[in-house]
C-alpha atoms as a PDB file:
ATOM      1  CA  UNK A   1       0.000   0.000   0.000  1.00  0.00           C
ATOM      2  CA  UNK A   2       2.865   2.354   0.719  1.00  0.00           C
ATOM      3  CA  UNK A   3       4.271   1.661  -2.737  1.00  0.00           C
ATOM      4  CA  UNK A   4       0.955   2.630  -4.403  1.00  0.00           C
ATOM      5  CA  UNK A   5       0.851   6.048  -2.658  1.00  0.00           C
ATOM      6  CA  UNK A   6       1.912   8.811  -5.070  1.00  0.00           C
ATOM      7  CA  UNK A   7       5.039  10.698  -4.060  1.00  0.00           C
ATOM      8  CA  UNK A   8       4.601  14.376  -3.190  1.00  0.00           C
ATOM      9  CA  UNK A   9       8.315  15.101  -3.620  1.00  0.00           C
ATOM     10  CA  UNK A  10       9.278  16.553  -7.027  1.00  0.00           C
ATOM     11  CA  UNK A  11      11.464  14.298  -9.100  1.00  0.00           C
ATOM     12  CA  UNK A  12      14.931  15.284 -10.289  1.00  0.00           C
ATOM     13  CA  UNK A  13      13.615  15.493 -13.839  1.00  0.00           C
ATOM     14  CA  UNK A  14      10.870  17.929 -12.829  1.00  0.00           C
ATOM     15  CA  UNK A  15      13.357  20.088 -10.878  1.00  0.00           C
ATOM     16  CA  UNK A  16      15.710  20.177 -13.847  1.00  0.00           C
ATOM     17  CA  UNK A  17      12.853  21.166 -16.142  1.00  0.00           C
ATOM     18  CA  UNK A  18      11.822  24.063 -13.876  1.00  0.00           C
ATOM     19  CA  UNK A  19      15.378  25.333 -13.406  1.00  0.00           C
ATOM     20  CA  UNK A  20      16.123  28.459 -15.477  1.00  0.00           C
ATOM     21  CA  UNK A  21      18.655  27.904 -18.245  1.00  0.00           C
ATOM     22  CA  UNK A  22      22.199  28.904 -17.461  1.00  0.00           C
ATOM     23  CA  UNK A  23      23.463  31.993 -19.229  1.00  0.00           C
ATOM     24  CA  UNK A  24      26.599  31.938 -21.306  1.00  0.00           C
ATOM     25  CA  UNK A  25      29.648  34.089 -20.676  1.00  0.00           C
ATOM     26  CA  UNK A  26      28.562  36.852 -23.069  1.00  0.00           C
ATOM     27  CA  UNK A  27      25.029  36.984 -21.653  1.00  0.00           C
ATOM     28  CA  UNK A  28      26.377  37.164 -18.089  1.00  0.00           C
ATOM     29  CA  UNK A  29      28.654  40.079 -18.974  1.00  0.00           C
ATOM     30  CA  UNK A  30      25.813  41.920 -20.721  1.00  0.00           C
ATOM     31  CA  UNK A  31      23.546  41.457 -17.710  1.00  0.00           C
ATOM     32  CA  UNK A  32      26.317  42.537 -15.323  1.00  0.00           C
ATOM     33  CA  UNK A  33      27.010  45.754 -17.240  1.00  0.00           C
ATOM     34  CA  UNK A  34      23.290  46.399 -17.624  1.00  0.00           C
ATOM     35  CA  UNK A  35      22.815  46.125 -13.856  1.00  0.00           C
ATOM     36  CA  UNK A  36      25.822  48.399 -13.321  1.00  0.00           C
ATOM     37  CA  UNK A  37      24.358  51.087 -15.599  1.00  0.00           C
ATOM     38  CA  UNK A  38      20.971  50.736 -13.896  1.00  0.00           C
ATOM     39  CA  UNK A  39      22.623  51.228 -10.502  1.00  0.00           C
ATOM     40  CA  UNK A  40      24.460  54.322 -11.723  1.00  0.00           C
ATOM     41  CA  UNK A  41      21.227  55.797 -12.982  1.00  0.00           C
ATOM     42  CA  UNK A  42      19.406  54.912  -9.786  1.00  0.00           C
ATOM     43  CA  UNK A  43      22.099  56.509  -7.606  1.00  0.00           C
ATOM     44  CA  UNK A  44      22.059  59.653  -9.762  1.00  0.00           C
ATOM     45  CA  UNK A  45      18.250  59.912  -9.475  1.00  0.00           C
ATOM     46  CA  UNK A  46      18.369  59.369  -5.709  1.00  0.00           C
ATOM     47  CA  UNK A  47      21.104  62.012  -5.407  1.00  0.00           C
ATOM     48  CA  UNK A  48      18.954  64.521  -7.309  1.00  0.00           C
ATOM     49  CA  UNK A  49      15.918  63.743  -5.138  1.00  0.00           C
ATOM     50  CA  UNK A  50      18.009  64.158  -1.990  1.00  0.00           C
ATOM     51  CA  UNK A  51      19.403  67.487  -3.208  1.00  0.00           C
ATOM     52  CA  UNK A  52      15.865  68.766  -3.880  1.00  0.00           C
ATOM     53  CA  UNK A  53      14.713  67.558  -0.465  1.00  0.00           C
ATOM     54  CA  UNK A  54      17.444  69.654   1.167  1.00  0.00           C
ATOM     55  CA  UNK A  55      15.577  72.834   0.196  1.00  0.00           C
ATOM     56  CA  UNK A  56      12.180  71.654   1.410  1.00  0.00           C
ATOM     57  CA  UNK A  57      11.224  72.768   4.902  1.00  0.00           C
ATOM     58  CA  UNK A  58      11.359  71.558   7.567  1.00  0.00           C
ATOM     59  CA  UNK A  59      14.836  70.086   7.828  1.00  0.00           C
ATOM     60  CA  UNK A  60      14.999  66.947   9.966  1.00  0.00           C
ATOM     61  CA  UNK A  61      17.527  68.240  12.515  1.00  0.00           C
ATOM     62  CA  UNK A  62      16.725  65.645  15.166  1.00  0.00           C
ATOM     63  CA  UNK A  63      17.228  62.844  12.674  1.00  0.00           C
ATOM     64  CA  UNK A  64      20.483  64.434  11.465  1.00  0.00           C
ATOM     65  CA  UNK A  65      21.855  64.686  15.009  1.00  0.00           C
ATOM     66  CA  UNK A  66      20.848  61.088  15.701  1.00  0.00           C
ATOM     67  CA  UNK A  67      22.597  59.915  12.540  1.00  0.00           C
ATOM     68  CA  UNK A  68      25.695  61.950  13.422  1.00  0.00           C
ATOM     69  CA  UNK A  69      25.868  60.093  16.714  1.00  0.00           C
ATOM     70  CA  UNK A  70      25.307  56.753  14.999  1.00  0.00           C
ATOM     71  CA  UNK A  71      27.857  57.405  12.259  1.00  0.00           C
ATOM     72  CA  UNK A  72      30.441  59.454  14.138  1.00  0.00           C
ATOM     73  CA  UNK A  73      30.540  58.510  17.792  1.00  0.00           C
ATOM     74  CA  UNK A  74      29.939  54.816  17.141  1.00  0.00           C
ATOM     75  CA  UNK A  75      32.733  54.775  14.539  1.00  0.00           C
ATOM     76  CA  UNK A  76      35.391  56.358  16.767  1.00  0.00           C
ATOM     77  CA  UNK A  77      36.584  52.998  18.056  1.00  0.00           C
ATOM     78  CA  UNK A  78      37.195  51.333  14.717  1.00  0.00           C
ATOM     79  CA  UNK A  79      38.674  54.546  13.271  1.00  0.00           C
ATOM     80  CA  UNK A  80      41.066  54.888  16.228  1.00  0.00           C
ATOM     81  CA  UNK A  81      42.307  51.300  16.128  1.00  0.00           C
ATOM     82  CA  UNK A  82      42.761  51.414  12.356  1.00  0.00           C
ATOM     83  CA  UNK A  83      44.648  54.714  12.427  1.00  0.00           C
ATOM     84  CA  UNK A  84      46.988  53.778  15.266  1.00  0.00           C
ATOM     85  CA  UNK A  85      48.056  50.448  13.811  1.00  0.00           C
ATOM     86  CA  UNK A  86      48.321  51.767  10.252  1.00  0.00           C
ATOM     87  CA  UNK A  87      50.589  54.507  11.588  1.00  0.00           C
ATOM     88  CA  UNK A  88      52.717  51.985  13.461  1.00  0.00           C
ATOM     89  CA  UNK A  89      53.015  49.691  10.453  1.00  0.00           C
ATOM     90  CA  UNK A  90      53.894  52.544   8.094  1.00  0.00           C
ATOM     91  CA  UNK A  91      56.514  53.807  10.559  1.00  0.00           C
ATOM     92  CA  UNK A  92      58.201  50.403  10.684  1.00  0.00           C
ATOM     93  CA  UNK A  93      58.110  49.995   6.908  1.00  0.00           C
ATOM     94  CA  UNK A  94      59.456  53.460   6.076  1.00  0.00           C
ATOM     95  CA  UNK A  95      62.073  53.447   8.834  1.00  0.00           C
ATOM     96  CA  UNK A  96      63.313  49.989   7.864  1.00  0.00           C
ATOM     97  CA  UNK A  97      63.535  50.976   4.197  1.00  0.00           C
ATOM     98  CA  UNK A  98      65.154  54.366   4.692  1.00  0.00           C
ATOM     99  CA  UNK A  99      67.612  52.978   7.235  1.00  0.00           C
ATOM    100  CA  UNK A 100      69.364  51.087   4.439  1.00  0.00           C
ATOM    101  CA  UNK A 101      70.099  54.346   2.615  1.00  0.00           C
ATOM    102  CA  UNK A 102      70.918  56.482   5.634  1.00  0.00           C
ATOM    103  CA  UNK A 103      67.751  58.528   5.310  1.00  0.00           C
ATOM    104  CA  UNK A 104      66.272  58.130   8.781  1.00  0.00           C
ATOM    105  CA  UNK A 105      65.802  61.887   9.096  1.00  0.00           C
ATOM    106  CA  UNK A 106      63.155  61.709   6.355  1.00  0.00           C
ATOM    107  CA  UNK A 107      60.898  59.216   8.163  1.00  0.00           C
ATOM    108  CA  UNK A 108      58.783  61.866   9.858  1.00  0.00           C
ATOM    109  CA  UNK A 109      58.431  63.865   6.658  1.00  0.00           C
ATOM    110  CA  UNK A 110      57.337  60.899   4.553  1.00  0.00           C
ATOM    111  CA  UNK A 111      54.881  59.583   7.133  1.00  0.00           C
ATOM    112  CA  UNK A 112      53.410  63.009   7.856  1.00  0.00           C
ATOM    113  CA  UNK A 113      52.892  63.808   4.190  1.00  0.00           C
ATOM    114  CA  UNK A 114      51.454  60.408   3.282  1.00  0.00           C
ATOM    115  CA  UNK A 115      49.090  60.404   6.257  1.00  0.00           C
ATOM    116  CA  UNK A 116      47.881  63.956   5.728  1.00  0.00           C
ATOM    117  CA  UNK A 117      47.217  63.655   2.003  1.00  0.00           C
ATOM    118  CA  UNK A 118      46.187  60.039   1.562  1.00  0.00           C
ATOM    119  CA  UNK A 119      46.205  57.439   4.329  1.00  0.00           C
ATOM    120  CA  UNK A 120      44.090  59.171   6.970  1.00  0.00           C
ATOM    121  CA  UNK A 121      41.164  60.245   4.739  1.00  0.00           C
ATOM    122  CA  UNK A 122      41.062  57.286   2.367  1.00  0.00           C
ATOM    123  CA  UNK A 123      41.608  54.394   4.784  1.00  0.00           C
ATOM    124  CA  UNK A 124      39.239  55.946   7.314  1.00  0.00           C
ATOM    125  CA  UNK A 125      36.579  56.302   4.616  1.00  0.00           C
ATOM    126  CA  UNK A 126      36.975  52.678   3.502  1.00  0.00           C
ATOM    127  CA  UNK A 127      36.920  51.225   7.014  1.00  0.00           C
ATOM    128  CA  UNK A 128      34.153  53.447   8.343  1.00  0.00           C
ATOM    129  CA  UNK A 129      32.291  53.233   5.041  1.00  0.00           C
ATOM    130  CA  UNK A 130      32.105  49.459   5.251  1.00  0.00           C
ATOM    131  CA  UNK A 131      30.582  49.655   8.711  1.00  0.00           C
ATOM    132  CA  UNK A 132      28.296  52.648   8.169  1.00  0.00           C
ATOM    133  CA  UNK A 133      27.228  51.785   4.620  1.00  0.00           C
ATOM    134  CA  UNK A 134      26.367  48.211   5.550  1.00  0.00           C
ATOM    135  CA  UNK A 135      24.360  49.460   8.526  1.00  0.00           C
ATOM    136  CA  UNK A 136      22.423  51.921   6.377  1.00  0.00           C
ATOM    137  CA  UNK A 137      21.702  49.310   3.723  1.00  0.00           C
ATOM    138  CA  UNK A 138      20.539  46.799   6.331  1.00  0.00           C
ATOM    139  CA  UNK A 139      18.362  49.320   8.193  1.00  0.00           C
ATOM    140  CA  UNK A 140      16.722  50.852   5.139  1.00  0.00           C
ATOM    141  CA  UNK A 141      16.470  47.442   3.447  1.00  0.00           C
ATOM    142  CA  UNK A 142      14.670  45.965   6.461  1.00  0.00           C
ATOM    143  CA  UNK A 143      12.230  48.883   6.349  1.00  0.00           C
ATOM    144  CA  UNK A 144      11.687  48.258   2.641  1.00  0.00           C
ATOM    145  CA  UNK A 145      10.965  44.534   2.874  1.00  0.00           C
ATOM    146  CA  UNK A 146       8.584  45.108   5.786  1.00  0.00           C
ATOM    147  CA  UNK A 147       6.719  47.771   3.729  1.00  0.00           C
ATOM    148  CA  UNK A 148       7.495  50.614   6.137  1.00  0.00           C
ATOM    149  CA  UNK A 149       8.748  52.752   3.244  1.00  0.00           C
ATOM    150  CA  UNK A 150       5.482  52.144   1.393  1.00  0.00           C
ATOM    151  CA  UNK A 151       3.707  53.373   4.508  1.00  0.00           C
ATOM    152  CA  UNK A 152       5.810  56.561   4.455  1.00  0.00           C
ATOM    153  CA  UNK A 153       4.771  57.166   0.847  1.00  0.00           C
ATOM    154  CA  UNK A 154       1.133  56.437   1.705  1.00  0.00           C
ATOM    155  CA  UNK A 155       1.252  59.146   4.369  1.00  0.00           C
ATOM    156  CA  UNK A 156       2.387  61.654   1.747  1.00  0.00           C
ATOM    157  CA  UNK A 157       6.013  61.916   2.930  1.00  0.00           C
ATOM    158  CA  UNK A 158       9.106  61.582   0.761  1.00  0.00           C
ATOM    159  CA  UNK A 159      11.452  58.705   1.737  1.00  0.00           C
ATOM    160  CA  UNK A 160      14.373  60.666   0.291  1.00  0.00           C
ATOM    161  CA  UNK A 161      13.705  63.465   2.788  1.00  0.00           C
ATOM    162  CA  UNK A 162      12.774  61.299   5.782  1.00  0.00           C
ATOM    163  CA  UNK A 163      15.400  58.570   5.408  1.00  0.00           C
ATOM    164  CA  UNK A 164      18.128  59.485   2.930  1.00  0.00           C
ATOM    165  CA  UNK A 165      18.738  63.189   3.588  1.00  0.00           C
ATOM    166  CA  UNK A 166      19.521  62.898   7.344  1.00  0.00           C
ATOM    167  CA  UNK A 167      22.015  60.113   6.667  1.00  0.00           C
ATOM    168  CA  UNK A 168      23.696  61.993   3.816  1.00  0.00           C
ATOM    169  CA  UNK A 169      24.040  65.262   5.753  1.00  0.00           C
ATOM    170  CA  UNK A 170      25.267  63.508   8.905  1.00  0.00           C
ATOM    171  CA  UNK A 171      27.904  61.473   7.061  1.00  0.00           C
ATOM    172  CA  UNK A 172      29.183  64.502   5.138  1.00  0.00           C
ATOM    173  CA  UNK A 173      29.573  66.455   8.394  1.00  0.00           C
ATOM    174  CA  UNK A 174      31.130  63.634  10.399  1.00  0.00           C
ATOM    175  CA  UNK A 175      33.724  62.261   7.964  1.00  0.00           C
ATOM    176  CA  UNK A 176      36.125  65.283   8.150  1.00  0.00           C
ATOM    177  CA  UNK A 177      36.147  65.000  11.953  1.00  0.00           C
ATOM    178  CA  UNK A 178      36.843  61.268  11.841  1.00  0.00           C
ATOM    179  CA  UNK A 179      39.600  61.792   9.283  1.00  0.00           C
ATOM    180  CA  UNK A 180      41.317  64.481  11.344  1.00  0.00           C
ATOM    181  CA  UNK A 181      41.002  62.291  14.426  1.00  0.00           C
ATOM    182  CA  UNK A 182      42.565  59.362  12.537  1.00  0.00           C
ATOM    183  CA  UNK A 183      45.374  61.609  11.279  1.00  0.00           C
ATOM    184  CA  UNK A 184      46.322  62.653  14.808  1.00  0.00           C
ATOM    185  CA  UNK A 185      46.180  59.134  16.238  1.00  0.00           C
ATOM    186  CA  UNK A 186      48.058  57.584  13.323  1.00  0.00           C
ATOM    187  CA  UNK A 187      50.818  60.151  13.609  1.00  0.00           C
ATOM    188  CA  UNK A 188      51.085  59.561  17.361  1.00  0.00           C
ATOM    189  CA  UNK A 189      51.320  55.798  16.804  1.00  0.00           C
ATOM    190  CA  UNK A 190      54.075  56.268  14.215  1.00  0.00           C
ATOM    191  CA  UNK A 191      55.938  58.669  16.513  1.00  0.00           C
ATOM    192  CA  UNK A 192      55.902  56.172  19.394  1.00  0.00           C
ATOM    193  CA  UNK A 193      57.148  53.316  17.206  1.00  0.00           C
ATOM    194  CA  UNK A 194      60.101  55.191  15.675  1.00  0.00           C
ATOM    195  CA  UNK A 195      61.057  56.436  19.122  1.00  0.00           C
ATOM    196  CA  UNK A 196      61.066  53.004  20.752  1.00  0.00           C
ATOM    197  CA  UNK A 197      62.249  50.856  17.836  1.00  0.00           C
ATOM    198  CA  UNK A 198      64.627  53.132  15.899  1.00  0.00           C
ATOM    199  CA  UNK A 199      65.830  55.601  18.562  1.00  0.00           C
ATOM    200  CA  UNK A 200      64.436  58.678  16.791  1.00  0.00           C
ATOM    201  CA  UNK A 201      63.329  61.300  19.263  1.00  0.00           C
ATOM    202  CA  UNK A 202      59.661  62.237  19.199  1.00  0.00           C
ATOM    203  CA  UNK A 203      60.520  65.933  19.083  1.00  0.00           C
ATOM    204  CA  UNK A 204      62.706  65.516  15.986  1.00  0.00           C
ATOM    205  CA  UNK A 205      60.055  63.336  14.318  1.00  0.00           C
ATOM    206  CA  UNK A 206      57.364  65.926  15.043  1.00  0.00           C
ATOM    207  CA  UNK A 207      59.446  68.892  13.894  1.00  0.00           C
ATOM    208  CA  UNK A 208      60.543  67.228  10.653  1.00  0.00           C
ATOM    209  CA  UNK A 209      56.919  66.382   9.831  1.00  0.00           C
ATOM    210  CA  UNK A 210      55.791  69.951  10.511  1.00  0.00           C
ATOM    211  CA  UNK A 211      58.519  71.287   8.215  1.00  0.00           C
ATOM    212  CA  UNK A 212      57.106  69.226   5.333  1.00  0.00           C
ATOM    213  CA  UNK A 213      53.344  69.100   5.844  1.00  0.00           C
ATOM    214  CA  UNK A 214      51.639  72.386   4.993  1.00  0.00           C
ATOM    215  CA  UNK A 215      48.052  73.549   5.284  1.00  0.00           C
ATOM    216  CA  UNK A 216      47.609  72.797   1.583  1.00  0.00           C
ATOM    217  CA  UNK A 217      48.523  69.153   2.205  1.00  0.00           C
ATOM    218  CA  UNK A 218      46.116  69.024   5.124  1.00  0.00           C
ATOM    219  CA  UNK A 219      43.267  70.522   3.118  1.00  0.00           C
ATOM    220  CA  UNK A 220      44.045  68.220   0.186  1.00  0.00           C
ATOM    221  CA  UNK A 221      43.398  65.254   2.458  1.00  0.00           C
ATOM    222  CA  UNK A 222      40.532  66.533   4.601  1.00  0.00           C
ATOM    223  CA  UNK A 223      38.846  68.050   1.539  1.00  0.00           C
ATOM    224  CA  UNK A 224      38.203  64.588   0.136  1.00  0.00           C
ATOM    225  CA  UNK A 225      36.226  63.391   3.118  1.00  0.00           C
ATOM    226  CA  UNK A 226      32.886  65.179   2.443  1.00  0.00           C
ATOM    227  CA  UNK A 227      32.816  63.504  -0.970  1.00  0.00           C
ATOM    228  CA  UNK A 228      33.614  60.162   0.647  1.00  0.00           C
ATOM    229  CA  UNK A 229      30.829  60.752   3.166  1.00  0.00           C
ATOM    230  CA  UNK A 230      28.341  61.422   0.387  1.00  0.00           C
ATOM    231  CA  UNK A 231      29.429  58.266  -1.449  1.00  0.00           C
ATOM    232  CA  UNK A 232      29.047  56.136   1.673  1.00  0.00           C
ATOM    233  CA  UNK A 233      25.586  57.359   2.573  1.00  0.00           C
ATOM    234  CA  UNK A 234      24.018  57.579  -0.880  1.00  0.00           C
ATOM    235  CA  UNK A 235      25.194  54.097  -1.918  1.00  0.00           C
ATOM    236  CA  UNK A 236      24.096  52.572   1.381  1.00  0.00           C
ATOM    237  CA  UNK A 237      20.631  54.152   1.140  1.00  0.00           C
ATOM    238  CA  UNK A 238      20.272  53.264  -2.545  1.00  0.00           C
ATOM    239  CA  UNK A 239      20.917  49.554  -2.049  1.00  0.00           C
ATOM    240  CA  UNK A 240      18.661  49.611   0.982  1.00  0.00           C
ATOM    241  CA  UNK A 241      15.795  51.163  -0.983  1.00  0.00           C
ATOM    242  CA  UNK A 242      16.089  48.586  -3.782  1.00  0.00           C
ATOM    243  CA  UNK A 243      16.165  45.614  -1.400  1.00  0.00           C
ATOM    244  CA  UNK A 244      13.709  42.822  -2.171  1.00  0.00           C
ATOM    245  CA  UNK A 245      13.378  39.209  -1.124  1.00  0.00           C
ATOM    246  CA  UNK A 246      13.098  39.343   2.650  1.00  0.00           C
ATOM    247  CA  UNK A 247      16.036  38.770   4.964  1.00  0.00           C
ATOM    248  CA  UNK A 248      18.043  37.095   2.217  1.00  0.00           C
ATOM    249  CA  UNK A 249      17.682  40.218   0.108  1.00  0.00           C
ATOM    250  CA  UNK A 250      18.893  42.365   3.009  1.00  0.00           C
ATOM    251  CA  UNK A 251      22.045  40.266   3.174  1.00  0.00           C
ATOM    252  CA  UNK A 252      22.643  40.640  -0.557  1.00  0.00           C
ATOM    253  CA  UNK A 253      22.156  44.402  -0.370  1.00  0.00           C
ATOM    254  CA  UNK A 254      24.593  44.682   2.524  1.00  0.00           C
ATOM    255  CA  UNK A 255      27.277  42.760   0.659  1.00  0.00           C
ATOM    256  CA  UNK A 256      26.763  44.787  -2.518  1.00  0.00           C
ATOM    257  CA  UNK A 257      26.949  48.014  -0.515  1.00  0.00           C
ATOM    258  CA  UNK A 258      30.326  47.235   1.060  1.00  0.00           C
ATOM    259  CA  UNK A 259      31.849  46.261  -2.295  1.00  0.00           C
ATOM    260  CA  UNK A 260      30.398  49.269  -4.134  1.00  0.00           C
ATOM    261  CA  UNK A 261      31.497  51.751  -1.456  1.00  0.00           C
ATOM    262  CA  UNK A 262      35.080  50.452  -1.342  1.00  0.00           C
ATOM    263  CA  UNK A 263      35.516  50.530  -5.119  1.00  0.00           C
ATOM    264  CA  UNK A 264      33.819  53.913  -5.554  1.00  0.00           C
ATOM    265  CA  UNK A 265      35.927  55.536  -2.828  1.00  0.00           C
ATOM    266  CA  UNK A 266      39.150  54.337  -4.453  1.00  0.00           C
ATOM    267  CA  UNK A 267      38.037  55.594  -7.868  1.00  0.00           C
ATOM    268  CA  UNK A 268      36.923  58.934  -6.434  1.00  0.00           C
ATOM    269  CA  UNK A 269      40.199  59.219  -4.526  1.00  0.00           C
ATOM    270  CA  UNK A 270      42.154  59.073  -7.783  1.00  0.00           C
ATOM    271  CA  UNK A 271      40.197  61.904  -9.404  1.00  0.00           C
ATOM    272  CA  UNK A 272      40.130  64.013  -6.233  1.00  0.00           C
ATOM    273  CA  UNK A 273      43.888  63.618  -5.845  1.00  0.00           C
ATOM    274  CA  UNK A 274      44.389  64.818  -9.423  1.00  0.00           C
ATOM    275  CA  UNK A 275      42.027  67.732  -8.762  1.00  0.00           C
ATOM    276  CA  UNK A 276      43.745  68.892  -5.560  1.00  0.00           C
ATOM    277  CA  UNK A 277      47.213  68.583  -7.094  1.00  0.00           C
ATOM    278  CA  UNK A 278      46.070  70.772  -9.982  1.00  0.00           C
ATOM    279  CA  UNK A 279      44.523  73.281  -7.575  1.00  0.00           C
ATOM    280  CA  UNK A 280      47.417  73.478  -5.123  1.00  0.00           C
END
């Protein structure tokens, strides 16, 4: 009798028949580039909507302050640890390399210049961007899959103004502070390492760095951070708003956000570096 009962489990043949056909290499590349262009267009549209929302009263100051605390204060720990150990590693590498050529007096100058113009703003943006962007994508994505954003639209409010604008403004304002904080801590970490490991006095290290690093170098580094902050927040919110598929979709959006933010920051860093060199 058990043998005569029809099986409710789908057979392997039925599963193979229902499986979508696999795409070839050319079709996969076309779909990948098509999705990339769609994402670029979507980010541009969201950026324009956010810029228009900035001029619509009232401005969500309470939400902006809350996001500044979430983005800035909560990121101090990871920014501090990253900056200190990057400074220590760079000090060891530069001191060990320059020691072979008798150029130990240039260690402070090289580290100060590289940290002010490049390492502090860019590495801080990548590390903090991975944390903050993933959090924004997960938070906004969870609101999207649970239809909370549809409820905001039903009430006549604009999600770009209620959700995206506070995060964008807060990240733009906070990133220069985090970058300057990372610059100071990284330089202190490098100064301690060269003093204890290579017998270079902290005072000489500090003075040689000040002789090389100018305000132009400082502005060339800190000036990148508002752009990095905008990239972090707008990409995180965009992938959150396009999230579908429940909790699994939230995970996919979070992963895509971290990858997109890291790559976009590095690309933007190249063009911003060229721009600031031409300006200064």
